[in-house]
Amino acid sequence: MRTKIKTTPLGLEVRAIAGTYVVLLAFNCPVAYRKKLVGFSIQRTDHSNGESIWLRGGKHFDLPNSDAGDDASSRTDPIQKFHWGDYTTKAGRSYTYIIHAREGKPGALSSREQIDVTVTCEDPAVVGGNGHQVHFNRSAAASQAYVSRFGDDDPDKVGDKALVWLSRGLEEALIAYVDSAQKGETLHLFVYEFEKESFLAALKRAKKRGVKLQIIYDAILHDKKNKKTGKVTKDGPSLESEPAMKQFGLSAKAVAHGRTGAGVNISHNKFMVLAGKDGKAKSVWTGSTNWTDNGIYKQTNVGHAIANPALAQVYLDWHQTVWKQSDLSATDSRTEVLRLTSLPPRNQSGSFLMLSPRKTTEAVTECAMRVKAAGKMVCFTAPFAMHDDLENALAGAPAQVFGLLNKDGVVGKGLHNAPNTQLASAAALDKVTALEIWQKQGHEESMHHSGVFIHTKIILVDALSDSPLVITGSANFSTNSSTDNDENQLFIIGETEVADIYLGEFMRMFDHYYFRSYMKQVRKERSKGKRSGFLAPDDSWTDDFFGGGEKEALREAFF
């Protein structure tokens, strides 16, 4: 849900954008309004229980006994940015925010004027009016909130309540989707990694109650060379999933087919289709989440279900093609994929599927074309290196660009140095928490996702417009994802509620990692005796937001 822009008598503009567990607040003002503006104090009322609090930030004024990076109430230490995120909201609840424009001196602030906005957070199980469900987990960026809730102990010591908190409904929704299948219906799975026991147990229950299962899993093995010993071994997700399927009675040929095929690099899908007793598709579950502990608890991921029979049928038709011939070559797969899906229309709302492998990199080129046509804002996540066409399009985009990277090196210097571009990469604070150690160890033990914390594959184009574009799915925006892998990529156009959720979750992750990077620099400067990381005591903080650079583009991007 998003509010219309509200304006005060003196010209302050405010809007709010509510996702499921996030509310974004954006501010704007005329140049003259900047004079003596020290920041924004934000008061929140939760209408479910009447609780009223002041939102908190990470900066203090440079006063006695204050320290850079300490948690601070915006009532006394206001927000000196033109957007802010409340990452403590709950799905389905309504909140009123009172924004105070503050002036005066540190320790003696007053309100120039105030304005309020009221929003209701989305229900992840019922998003908009076209059958969407959108479930994001918490991921590694929640480490500080985890410590405040559970202490500095890893989830193995805390127990199941910690895992439930990290999942934030993603695992539960995945299991609920399987549990919704009734006797006589069919679940058609096309998966890469899926050795998670709770998920396998749900499939076993479904089979027992008379649900037919058809599981296509990646059975492609690659040579893997040990960097220390030089020894070459075979590697692939089936080395873990096949024993897991056998343990839960899911390995029979009538239930599971291993996907191979000459020229197919990896079978990277993570989708399942629910079909009715008549064999026709009813809905589809897709997204970036591998059905593993890493995918649910240790990476940034999304599960996206759509009760759209026509769309789900396309997924099912591709599934059935491979089910009948699991060793279908890459060449023949490309022919079938092009028969089933084409480029999404440019001027039409709805949900449109692009499958891979394709004969060219047109899936990436299409993403690049959409980025080039952006008006105000582009957001993207990059777990791995992207195709040059897309990276160049982002670097030259006419809009404000936000990028969330798994590592700085997944994109080149051209994008790092591009104007009106802000990038953040997954990084820990100087003091690493037990949760982060636990998550890192999980990655090191993984055969396929060592060091991957940002795992979503998302592009958002003009998310706050009346016709936002959300691109999501399994594809990593690379040559392989377009021409050599089994992939699915979903273009969702004109669904504002869906875009609000994706934007909120993107900014939650981006702001956390961007602030971590900032604090590392602050601590470095402070170790050299420099007073750094404090709020400006006057209106000088606004200069960058009206200086014609990336911060001005950032301020304008939300309006």
Protein backbone atom coordinates (compact mmCIF):
# COMPACT_ATOMS: atom_id res chain seq x y z
CA MET A 1 0.00 0.00 0.00
CA ARG A 2 1.23 3.48 -0.82
CA THR A 3 -0.15 6.83 0.21
CA LYS A 4 -0.66 9.80 -2.03
CA ILE A 5 1.83 12.62 -1.56
CA LYS A 6 0.77 14.93 1.29
CA THR A 7 2.01 18.51 1.50
CA THR A 8 2.24 20.90 4.46
CA PRO A 9 1.40 24.62 4.23
CA LEU A 10 5.14 25.42 4.08
CA GLY A 11 5.82 22.91 1.31
CA LEU A 12 7.12 19.75 3.00
CA GLU A 13 6.04 16.68 1.01
CA VAL A 14 5.66 13.23 2.59
CA ARG A 15 4.62 9.83 1.34
CA ALA A 16 4.62 6.33 2.83
CA ILE A 17 5.02 2.96 1.12
CA ALA A 18 4.01 -0.13 3.09
CA GLY A 19 5.20 -3.62 2.24
CA THR A 20 4.58 -6.60 4.50
CA TYR A 21 7.15 -6.00 7.25
CA VAL A 22 8.51 -2.65 6.06
CA VAL A 23 7.21 0.91 5.81
CA LEU A 24 9.27 3.36 3.76
CA LEU A 25 8.89 7.07 4.43
CA ALA A 26 10.02 9.67 1.90
CA PHE A 27 10.34 13.43 2.29
CA ASN A 28 10.83 16.29 -0.14
CA CYS A 29 10.81 20.08 0.11
CA PRO A 30 11.55 23.30 -1.79
CA VAL A 31 15.05 24.74 -1.64
CA ALA A 32 13.96 27.50 0.74
CA TYR A 33 12.63 24.92 3.22
CA ARG A 34 16.19 23.77 3.87
CA LYS A 35 17.08 26.86 5.89
CA LYS A 36 17.55 25.89 9.55
CA LEU A 37 16.20 22.36 8.85
CA VAL A 38 18.10 20.03 11.21
CA GLY A 39 16.28 16.83 10.26
CA PHE A 40 13.12 14.82 10.77
CA SER A 41 11.77 13.26 13.95
CA ILE A 42 9.28 10.44 13.37
CA GLN A 43 6.62 9.25 15.78
CA ARG A 44 4.73 6.00 15.09
CA THR A 45 1.43 4.74 16.45
CA ASP A 46 0.47 1.08 16.04
CA HIS A 47 -3.32 0.94 15.68
CA SER A 48 -3.50 -2.71 16.72
CA ASN A 49 -2.43 -1.96 20.29
CA GLY A 50 -2.21 1.84 20.57
CA GLU A 51 1.53 1.77 21.19
CA SER A 52 3.31 5.02 20.31
CA ILE A 53 7.09 5.17 19.81
CA TRP A 54 9.73 7.38 18.21
CA LEU A 55 11.62 5.73 15.38
CA ARG A 56 15.33 5.34 15.96
CA GLY A 57 18.41 6.01 13.88
CA GLY A 58 22.10 5.21 14.05
CA LYS A 59 23.59 8.70 14.51
CA HIS A 60 23.88 11.14 17.43
CA PHE A 61 24.74 14.79 17.63
CA ASP A 62 28.32 15.27 18.75
CA LEU A 63 27.50 15.96 22.38
CA PRO A 64 29.16 14.76 25.61
CA ASN A 65 28.70 11.00 26.20
CA SER A 66 27.48 10.36 22.65
CA ASP A 67 29.17 7.89 20.34
CA ALA A 68 29.01 7.36 16.58
CA GLY A 69 26.87 4.41 15.61
CA ASP A 70 24.93 4.16 18.85
CA ASP A 71 21.18 3.68 18.60
CA ALA A 72 19.46 7.06 18.88
CA SER A 73 15.87 8.30 19.18
CA SER A 74 14.84 10.50 16.27
CA ARG A 75 13.06 12.70 18.82
CA THR A 76 16.40 14.04 20.09
CA ASP A 77 18.69 13.04 17.20
CA PRO A 78 16.65 13.49 14.02
CA ILE A 79 16.95 11.68 10.72
CA GLN A 80 19.19 13.60 8.30
CA LYS A 81 18.05 11.87 5.12
CA PHE A 82 15.11 12.29 2.76
CA HIS A 83 13.96 8.69 3.09
CA TRP A 84 13.76 6.39 6.06
CA GLY A 85 12.63 2.82 6.64
CA ASP A 86 10.69 1.37 9.55
CA TYR A 87 11.79 -2.27 9.59
CA THR A 88 9.90 -3.27 12.74
CA THR A 89 6.34 -3.33 11.39
CA LYS A 90 4.10 -6.38 11.25
CA ALA A 91 2.04 -7.72 8.36
CA GLY A 92 -1.59 -6.61 8.23
CA ARG A 93 -1.25 -3.86 10.83
CA SER A 94 -2.07 -0.18 10.33
CA TYR A 95 0.31 2.55 11.45
CA THR A 96 0.21 6.32 11.63
CA TYR A 97 3.48 8.23 11.32
CA ILE A 98 3.83 11.84 12.45
CA ILE A 99 6.81 13.50 10.78
CA HIS A 100 8.22 16.54 12.58
CA ALA A 101 10.45 18.93 10.64
CA ARG A 102 13.01 19.93 13.27
CA GLU A 103 15.01 23.12 13.76
CA GLY A 104 17.04 24.63 16.58
CA LYS A 105 20.26 23.54 18.26
CA PRO A 106 21.35 20.04 19.32
CA GLY A 107 19.78 19.35 22.70
CA ALA A 108 17.17 22.09 22.21
CA LEU A 109 15.14 21.18 19.11
CA SER A 110 11.68 22.41 18.20
CA SER A 111 9.17 21.40 15.53
CA ARG A 112 8.72 23.81 12.63
CA GLU A 113 5.62 21.87 11.55
CA GLN A 114 4.36 18.31 11.42
CA ILE A 115 2.40 16.07 9.08
CA ASP A 116 0.97 12.57 9.45
CA VAL A 117 0.45 9.62 7.10
CA THR A 118 -1.41 6.37 7.76
CA VAL A 119 -0.73 3.05 6.00
CA THR A 120 -1.65 -0.61 6.34
CA CYS A 121 0.99 -3.29 5.80
CA GLU A 122 0.25 -5.99 3.25
CA ASP A 123 -0.65 -9.58 4.11
CA PRO A 124 2.05 -11.73 2.42
CA ALA A 125 -0.53 -14.43 1.66
CA VAL A 126 -2.95 -12.08 -0.14
CA VAL A 127 -1.18 -9.37 -2.13
CA GLY A 128 -3.27 -7.22 -4.44
CA GLY A 129 -6.22 -8.57 -6.38
CA ASN A 130 -4.55 -10.99 -8.79
CA GLY A 131 -3.62 -13.98 -6.66
CA HIS A 132 -0.09 -13.08 -5.54
CA GLN A 133 1.69 -14.27 -2.41
CA VAL A 134 5.11 -12.75 -1.61
CA HIS A 135 7.29 -14.16 1.18
CA PHE A 136 10.75 -12.76 2.00
CA ASN A 137 12.92 -14.20 4.77
CA ARG A 138 14.96 -12.02 7.17
CA SER A 139 18.47 -13.09 6.08
CA ALA A 140 21.90 -12.06 7.36
CA ALA A 141 21.17 -8.33 7.48
CA ALA A 142 19.01 -8.92 10.56
CA SER A 143 22.01 -9.84 12.76
CA GLN A 144 21.76 -6.86 15.12
CA ALA A 145 18.01 -7.34 15.61
CA TYR A 146 18.70 -11.04 16.20
CA VAL A 147 21.21 -10.23 18.96
CA SER A 148 18.75 -7.88 20.69
CA ARG A 149 16.12 -10.63 20.65
CA PHE A 150 18.10 -13.83 21.28
CA GLY A 151 21.50 -12.69 22.51
CA ASP A 152 24.81 -13.42 20.81
CA ASP A 153 24.21 -17.18 20.41
CA ASP A 154 23.81 -19.07 17.16
CA PRO A 155 20.44 -20.63 16.25
CA ASP A 156 21.65 -24.15 17.08
CA LYS A 157 21.89 -23.04 20.71
CA VAL A 158 18.79 -20.83 20.74
CA GLY A 159 16.56 -23.49 19.15
CA ASP A 160 13.62 -23.53 16.75
CA LYS A 161 12.31 -20.11 17.75
CA ALA A 162 15.40 -18.54 16.18
CA LEU A 163 14.87 -20.43 12.92
CA VAL A 164 11.22 -19.41 12.83
CA TRP A 165 12.28 -15.78 13.28
CA LEU A 166 14.89 -16.00 10.50
CA SER A 167 12.43 -17.68 8.12
CA ARG A 168 9.81 -14.97 8.81
CA GLY A 169 7.10 -17.08 7.18
CA LEU A 170 9.02 -18.21 4.07
CA GLU A 171 9.43 -21.83 5.17
CA GLU A 172 5.91 -21.90 6.60
CA ALA A 173 4.40 -20.61 3.35
CA LEU A 174 6.40 -23.13 1.31
CA ILE A 175 5.15 -26.00 3.47
CA ALA A 176 1.60 -24.62 3.43
CA TYR A 177 1.67 -24.60 -0.37
CA VAL A 178 2.50 -28.31 -0.40
CA ASP A 179 -0.03 -29.04 2.34
CA SER A 180 -2.77 -27.31 0.31
CA ALA A 181 -2.64 -30.06 -2.33
CA GLN A 182 -5.58 -32.44 -1.97
CA LYS A 183 -6.09 -36.11 -2.82
CA GLY A 184 -6.26 -36.56 -6.58
CA GLU A 185 -4.33 -33.34 -7.31
CA THR A 186 -0.74 -33.19 -8.55
CA LEU A 187 2.35 -31.25 -7.49
CA HIS A 188 4.82 -30.79 -10.35
CA LEU A 189 8.27 -29.77 -9.09
CA PHE A 190 11.23 -28.50 -11.13
CA VAL A 191 14.06 -27.95 -8.64
CA TYR A 192 17.79 -27.37 -8.21
CA GLU A 193 18.52 -27.95 -4.49
CA PHE A 194 15.89 -29.42 -2.17
CA GLU A 195 17.28 -31.46 0.70
CA LYS A 196 15.46 -29.55 3.46
CA GLU A 197 13.85 -32.11 5.76
CA SER A 198 10.68 -30.17 6.62
CA PHE A 199 9.96 -29.75 2.91
CA LEU A 200 10.67 -33.39 2.09
CA ALA A 201 8.44 -34.42 5.00
CA ALA A 202 5.63 -32.26 3.57
CA LEU A 203 6.02 -33.98 0.20
CA LYS A 204 5.93 -37.36 1.92
CA ARG A 205 2.68 -36.38 3.69
CA ALA A 206 1.21 -35.22 0.40
CA LYS A 207 2.05 -38.52 -1.27
CA LYS A 208 0.51 -40.44 1.62
CA ARG A 209 -2.80 -38.58 1.34
CA GLY A 210 -3.09 -39.30 -2.36
CA VAL A 211 -1.40 -36.33 -4.01
CA LYS A 212 0.52 -37.32 -7.13
CA LEU A 213 4.11 -36.05 -7.24
CA GLN A 214 6.28 -35.38 -10.26
CA ILE A 215 9.73 -34.14 -9.25
CA ILE A 216 12.33 -33.05 -11.80
CA TYR A 217 15.65 -32.41 -10.08
CA ASP A 218 19.09 -31.35 -11.27
CA ALA A 219 21.15 -34.51 -11.84
CA ILE A 220 23.96 -32.85 -13.81
CA LEU A 221 27.43 -33.48 -12.38
CA HIS A 222 30.44 -31.25 -13.02
CA ASP A 223 34.13 -31.71 -12.38
CA LYS A 224 35.30 -29.78 -9.33
CA LYS A 225 38.98 -29.25 -8.56
CA ASN A 226 40.14 -28.92 -4.96
CA LYS A 227 42.29 -25.78 -4.77
CA LYS A 228 44.52 -27.25 -2.06
CA THR A 229 45.00 -30.82 -3.23
CA GLY A 230 44.39 -30.45 -6.97
CA LYS A 231 42.13 -33.52 -6.82
CA VAL A 232 39.15 -33.51 -9.20
CA THR A 233 35.80 -34.80 -7.95
CA LYS A 234 32.20 -34.68 -9.17
CA ASP A 235 29.93 -31.93 -7.90
CA GLY A 236 26.21 -31.28 -8.20
CA PRO A 237 23.13 -30.82 -6.01
CA SER A 238 21.94 -34.39 -6.70
CA LEU A 239 24.77 -35.69 -4.51
CA GLU A 240 22.75 -34.34 -1.61
CA SER A 241 19.18 -34.42 -2.91
CA GLU A 242 19.15 -38.05 -4.11
CA PRO A 243 20.00 -39.51 -0.67
CA ALA A 244 17.48 -37.13 0.91
CA MET A 245 14.74 -38.22 -1.51
CA LYS A 246 15.51 -41.86 -0.79
CA GLN A 247 15.28 -41.25 2.95
CA PHE A 248 11.75 -39.83 2.55
CA GLY A 249 10.53 -42.39 0.03
CA LEU A 250 10.53 -40.01 -2.94
CA SER A 251 13.14 -41.58 -5.22
CA ALA A 252 10.96 -43.98 -7.23
CA LYS A 253 11.01 -43.41 -11.00
CA ALA A 254 7.29 -42.70 -10.99
CA VAL A 255 7.91 -39.81 -8.58
CA ALA A 256 11.30 -38.31 -9.50
CA HIS A 257 13.27 -37.82 -12.72
CA GLY A 258 16.86 -36.61 -12.75
CA ARG A 259 17.35 -33.78 -15.27
CA THR A 260 20.36 -34.21 -17.53
CA GLY A 261 20.66 -33.28 -21.23
CA ALA A 262 23.61 -32.57 -23.50
CA GLY A 263 24.66 -28.92 -23.34
CA VAL A 264 22.52 -28.04 -20.32
CA ASN A 265 24.78 -26.32 -17.80
CA ILE A 266 22.60 -26.53 -14.68
CA SER A 267 18.90 -27.08 -14.10
CA HIS A 268 18.41 -24.05 -11.90
CA ASN A 269 14.61 -23.79 -11.54
CA LYS A 270 12.92 -23.52 -8.14
CA PHE A 271 9.25 -23.83 -9.02
CA MET A 272 6.30 -26.12 -8.42
CA VAL A 273 2.87 -26.13 -10.00
CA LEU A 274 -0.32 -27.28 -8.30
CA ALA A 275 -2.68 -28.96 -10.76
CA GLY A 276 -6.26 -29.98 -10.05
CA LYS A 277 -7.87 -33.37 -10.43
CA ASP A 278 -8.53 -32.52 -14.07
CA GLY A 279 -4.78 -32.12 -14.67
CA LYS A 280 -5.03 -28.38 -15.33
CA ALA A 281 -2.75 -25.94 -13.53
CA LYS A 282 -4.20 -23.91 -10.66
CA SER A 283 -1.21 -21.99 -9.29
CA VAL A 284 2.58 -21.82 -9.26
CA TRP A 285 5.24 -21.26 -6.60
CA THR A 286 8.44 -19.66 -7.89
CA GLY A 287 11.19 -17.26 -6.76
CA SER A 288 14.85 -17.51 -5.78
CA THR A 289 14.66 -19.89 -2.82
CA ASN A 290 16.41 -23.23 -2.95
CA TRP A 291 14.65 -25.57 -0.56
CA THR A 292 17.55 -25.93 1.85
CA ASP A 293 18.55 -24.58 5.26
CA ASN A 294 20.91 -22.15 3.51
CA GLY A 295 18.11 -20.90 1.30
CA ILE A 296 15.64 -20.39 4.14
CA TYR A 297 17.84 -19.13 6.99
CA LYS A 298 21.18 -17.95 5.63
CA GLN A 299 20.59 -16.08 2.38
CA THR A 300 18.32 -13.28 1.18
CA ASN A 301 15.50 -15.04 -0.68
CA VAL A 302 11.92 -14.71 -1.84
CA GLY A 303 9.14 -17.20 -2.48
CA HIS A 304 6.42 -15.94 -4.81
CA ALA A 305 3.20 -17.85 -5.46
CA ILE A 306 0.54 -16.86 -8.01
CA ALA A 307 -2.95 -18.29 -8.32
CA ASN A 308 -3.09 -17.59 -12.06
CA PRO A 309 -4.11 -20.74 -13.96
CA ALA A 310 -3.11 -19.48 -17.41
CA LEU A 311 0.36 -18.45 -16.22
CA ALA A 312 0.81 -21.60 -14.14
CA GLN A 313 -0.12 -23.72 -17.17
CA VAL A 314 2.93 -22.40 -19.07
CA TYR A 315 5.18 -23.51 -16.21
CA LEU A 316 3.38 -26.85 -16.24
CA ASP A 317 3.71 -27.31 -20.01
CA TRP A 318 7.49 -26.87 -19.73
CA HIS A 319 7.61 -29.23 -16.76
CA GLN A 320 5.72 -31.88 -18.70
CA THR A 321 8.01 -31.53 -21.70
CA VAL A 322 11.04 -32.32 -19.56
CA TRP A 323 9.17 -34.92 -17.48
CA LYS A 324 8.59 -36.93 -20.65
CA GLN A 325 12.24 -36.55 -21.71
CA SER A 326 14.48 -35.60 -18.80
CA ASP A 327 17.63 -35.85 -20.95
CA LEU A 328 16.30 -33.28 -23.44
CA SER A 329 19.33 -31.55 -24.94
CA ALA A 330 19.98 -27.83 -24.64
CA THR A 331 19.36 -27.46 -28.39
CA ASP A 332 15.93 -29.12 -28.23
CA SER A 333 15.15 -27.35 -24.94
CA ARG A 334 15.68 -23.98 -26.61
CA THR A 335 13.20 -24.90 -29.34
CA GLU A 336 10.54 -25.89 -26.79
CA VAL A 337 11.15 -22.88 -24.57
CA LEU A 338 10.73 -20.46 -27.48
CA ARG A 339 7.52 -22.22 -28.43
CA LEU A 340 6.15 -21.69 -24.93
CA THR A 341 7.33 -18.18 -24.02
CA SER A 342 8.22 -14.96 -25.82
CA LEU A 343 9.39 -11.51 -24.79
CA PRO A 344 6.92 -9.80 -22.44
CA PRO A 345 4.80 -7.01 -23.97
CA ARG A 346 5.94 -3.44 -23.45
CA ASN A 347 2.59 -1.73 -22.84
CA GLN A 348 0.47 -4.32 -21.05
CA SER A 349 -0.09 -5.05 -17.38
CA GLY A 350 0.02 -8.55 -15.95
CA SER A 351 2.45 -11.39 -15.19
CA PHE A 352 4.55 -12.76 -18.03
CA LEU A 353 6.98 -15.68 -18.03
CA MET A 354 10.28 -16.08 -19.84
CA LEU A 355 11.83 -19.54 -19.71
CA SER A 356 15.40 -20.56 -20.48
CA PRO A 357 17.54 -21.90 -22.10
CA ARG A 358 17.00 -19.64 -25.12
CA LYS A 359 18.87 -19.39 -28.41
CA THR A 360 20.28 -15.93 -27.59
CA THR A 361 20.80 -13.68 -24.57
CA GLU A 362 17.50 -11.95 -25.31
CA ALA A 363 16.31 -12.50 -21.73
CA VAL A 364 19.17 -10.33 -20.45
CA THR A 365 18.78 -7.86 -23.34
CA GLU A 366 15.12 -7.42 -22.45
CA CYS A 367 16.07 -6.55 -18.87
CA ALA A 368 18.63 -4.05 -20.17
CA MET A 369 16.04 -2.40 -22.43
CA ARG A 370 13.67 -2.00 -19.48
CA VAL A 371 16.43 -0.41 -17.40
CA LYS A 372 17.27 2.04 -20.19
CA ALA A 373 13.63 3.14 -20.29
CA ALA A 374 13.44 3.85 -16.55
CA GLY A 375 12.18 7.23 -15.44
CA LYS A 376 13.13 7.72 -11.78
CA MET A 377 14.38 4.60 -10.03
CA VAL A 378 15.99 1.21 -10.71
CA CYS A 379 16.81 -1.33 -8.00
CA PHE A 380 18.68 -4.57 -8.64
CA THR A 381 20.30 -7.45 -6.79
CA ALA A 382 23.40 -9.24 -8.07
CA PRO A 383 24.43 -12.51 -6.44
CA PHE A 384 26.91 -13.16 -9.26
CA ALA A 385 28.45 -11.36 -12.24
CA MET A 386 25.91 -10.01 -14.72
CA HIS A 387 25.97 -9.80 -18.51
CA ASP A 388 27.84 -6.75 -19.82
CA ASP A 389 24.75 -5.46 -21.67
CA LEU A 390 22.78 -5.22 -18.44
CA GLU A 391 25.68 -3.80 -16.45
CA ASN A 392 26.23 -1.13 -19.11
CA ALA A 393 22.53 -0.31 -19.13
CA LEU A 394 22.58 0.18 -15.37
CA ALA A 395 25.69 2.35 -15.55
CA GLY A 396 24.04 4.56 -18.18
CA ALA A 397 20.52 4.56 -16.76
CA PRO A 398 18.79 7.96 -16.69
CA ALA A 399 17.29 7.08 -13.29
CA GLN A 400 18.61 6.77 -9.74
CA VAL A 401 20.11 3.27 -9.42
CA PHE A 402 20.35 1.24 -6.21
CA GLY A 403 22.33 -2.00 -6.38
CA LEU A 404 22.60 -4.73 -3.75
CA LEU A 405 25.63 -6.92 -4.46
CA ASN A 406 26.79 -10.13 -2.90
CA LYS A 407 30.37 -8.84 -3.25
CA ASP A 408 31.81 -5.60 -4.62
CA GLY A 409 33.54 -7.48 -7.42
CA VAL A 410 30.41 -8.92 -9.03
CA VAL A 411 30.11 -5.69 -11.04
CA GLY A 412 32.85 -3.66 -12.72
CA LYS A 413 34.33 -0.24 -11.97
CA GLY A 414 32.12 1.38 -14.59
CA LEU A 415 29.00 0.67 -12.55
CA HIS A 416 30.71 1.42 -9.24
CA ASN A 417 31.69 4.86 -10.60
CA ALA A 418 28.46 5.61 -12.48
CA PRO A 419 26.62 8.83 -11.59
CA ASN A 420 23.38 8.68 -9.60
CA THR A 421 24.28 5.16 -8.50
CA GLN A 422 24.55 3.78 -4.97
CA LEU A 423 25.79 0.23 -4.40
CA ALA A 424 25.95 -1.82 -1.21
CA SER A 425 27.47 -5.26 -0.75
CA ALA A 426 26.93 -7.94 1.88
CA ALA A 427 29.32 -7.21 4.70
CA ALA A 428 29.52 -7.68 8.45
CA LEU A 429 30.08 -5.06 11.10
CA ASP A 430 33.50 -4.95 12.73
CA LYS A 431 32.14 -7.09 15.54
CA VAL A 432 30.89 -10.27 13.90
CA THR A 433 27.91 -11.87 15.65
CA ALA A 434 27.36 -15.54 16.38
CA LEU A 435 24.54 -15.53 13.84
CA GLU A 436 26.87 -14.31 11.09
CA ILE A 437 29.48 -16.93 11.99
CA TRP A 438 26.77 -19.60 11.87
CA GLN A 439 25.53 -18.38 8.52
CA LYS A 440 29.05 -18.20 7.08
CA GLN A 441 29.82 -21.72 8.26
CA GLY A 442 26.68 -22.93 6.55
CA HIS A 443 27.88 -21.44 3.28
CA GLU A 444 31.35 -22.93 3.62
CA GLU A 445 29.79 -26.36 4.07
CA SER A 446 27.58 -25.87 1.02
CA MET A 447 28.74 -27.53 -2.18
CA HIS A 448 27.20 -24.93 -4.45
CA HIS A 449 26.67 -21.60 -2.65
CA SER A 450 29.84 -20.86 -0.71
CA GLY A 451 29.86 -17.21 0.35
CA VAL A 452 26.49 -16.33 -1.21
CA PHE A 453 24.39 -14.15 1.10
CA ILE A 454 22.46 -12.05 -1.43
CA HIS A 455 20.63 -14.70 -3.47
CA THR A 456 17.58 -12.89 -4.88
CA LYS A 457 17.55 -12.14 -8.62
CA ILE A 458 15.51 -8.95 -8.75
CA ILE A 459 15.19 -5.87 -10.91
CA LEU A 460 12.67 -3.15 -10.05
CA VAL A 461 11.99 -0.42 -12.60
CA ASP A 462 10.07 2.67 -11.44
CA ALA A 463 8.59 0.73 -8.54
CA LEU A 464 6.63 3.75 -7.31
CA SER A 465 5.02 4.59 -10.64
CA ASP A 466 1.49 3.60 -11.63
CA SER A 467 2.98 0.89 -13.85
CA PRO A 468 5.88 -0.60 -11.89
CA LEU A 469 7.95 -3.50 -13.22
CA VAL A 470 9.13 -6.34 -10.96
CA ILE A 471 11.47 -8.94 -12.44
CA THR A 472 11.99 -11.99 -10.23
CA GLY A 473 12.70 -15.71 -10.48
CA SER A 474 15.73 -17.99 -10.68
CA ALA A 475 17.83 -16.34 -13.43
CA ASN A 476 21.04 -14.49 -12.48
CA PHE A 477 21.04 -12.04 -15.44
CA SER A 478 24.01 -13.79 -17.07
CA THR A 479 24.80 -15.45 -20.41
CA ASN A 480 24.48 -18.91 -18.87
CA SER A 481 21.13 -18.08 -17.28
CA SER A 482 19.79 -17.02 -20.65
CA THR A 483 21.27 -19.62 -23.03
CA ASP A 484 22.53 -22.66 -21.09
CA ASN A 485 20.53 -23.16 -17.88
CA ASP A 486 17.00 -24.25 -17.08
CA GLU A 487 15.62 -20.98 -15.64
CA ASN A 488 12.39 -19.10 -15.13
CA GLN A 489 12.07 -15.32 -15.05
CA LEU A 490 8.83 -13.55 -14.21
CA PHE A 491 7.94 -10.03 -15.38
CA ILE A 492 5.19 -8.54 -13.19
CA ILE A 493 3.89 -5.27 -14.65
CA GLY A 494 1.42 -2.84 -13.09
CA GLU A 495 0.94 -4.64 -9.75
CA THR A 496 1.60 -1.79 -7.31
CA GLU A 497 1.10 -3.85 -4.14
CA VAL A 498 3.63 -6.43 -5.33
CA ALA A 499 6.10 -3.66 -6.21
CA ASP A 500 5.65 -2.05 -2.78
CA ILE A 501 6.67 -5.29 -1.06
CA TYR A 502 9.69 -5.88 -3.28
CA LEU A 503 10.83 -2.26 -2.92
CA GLY A 504 10.44 -2.33 0.86
CA GLU A 505 12.42 -5.54 1.24
CA PHE A 506 15.08 -4.34 -1.17
CA MET A 507 15.56 -1.09 0.76
CA ARG A 508 15.62 -2.98 4.07
CA MET A 509 18.59 -4.97 2.85
CA PHE A 510 20.23 -2.07 1.02
CA ASP A 511 20.03 0.34 3.95
CA HIS A 512 21.43 -2.23 6.39
CA TYR A 513 24.45 -3.04 4.25
CA TYR A 514 25.03 0.54 3.14
CA PHE A 515 25.09 1.65 6.78
CA ARG A 516 27.50 -1.16 7.70
CA SER A 517 29.90 0.02 5.03
CA TYR A 518 29.57 3.59 6.29
CA MET A 519 30.25 2.56 9.90
CA LYS A 520 33.39 0.67 8.92
CA GLN A 521 34.76 3.89 7.47
CA VAL A 522 33.68 5.85 10.55
CA ARG A 523 35.45 3.44 12.89
CA LYS A 524 38.55 3.61 10.74
CA GLU A 525 38.57 7.40 10.98
CA ARG A 526 37.85 7.37 14.69
CA SER A 527 40.75 4.96 15.28
CA LYS A 528 42.95 7.79 13.97
CA GLY A 529 41.47 10.26 16.44
CA LYS A 530 39.03 11.95 14.07
CA ARG A 531 35.58 12.93 15.32
CA SER A 532 33.43 11.25 12.71
CA GLY A 533 29.99 9.75 12.15
CA PHE A 534 27.89 12.36 13.94
CA LEU A 535 24.85 14.34 12.86
CA ALA A 536 25.38 17.82 11.46
CA PRO A 537 24.41 20.47 14.06
CA ASP A 538 22.75 22.67 11.42
CA ASP A 539 21.17 22.54 7.95
CA SER A 540 24.46 21.77 6.17
CA TRP A 541 23.47 18.09 5.86
CA THR A 542 20.94 19.10 3.18
CA ASP A 543 23.61 20.45 0.82
CA ASP A 544 24.32 17.12 -0.87
CA PHE A 545 20.60 16.48 -1.42
CA PHE A 546 20.30 19.69 -3.47
CA GLY A 547 23.73 19.63 -5.08
CA GLY A 548 22.88 18.02 -8.39
CA GLY A 549 24.53 14.66 -7.61
CA GLU A 550 23.43 11.19 -6.61
CA LYS A 551 21.82 12.29 -3.35
CA GLU A 552 19.61 14.79 -5.15
CA ALA A 553 18.59 12.02 -7.55
CA LEU A 554 17.89 9.83 -4.52
CA ARG A 555 15.65 12.49 -2.94
CA GLU A 556 13.69 12.93 -6.15
CA ALA A 557 13.41 9.21 -6.90
CA PHE A 558 10.69 8.65 -4.31
CA PHE A 559 8.41 11.37 -5.73
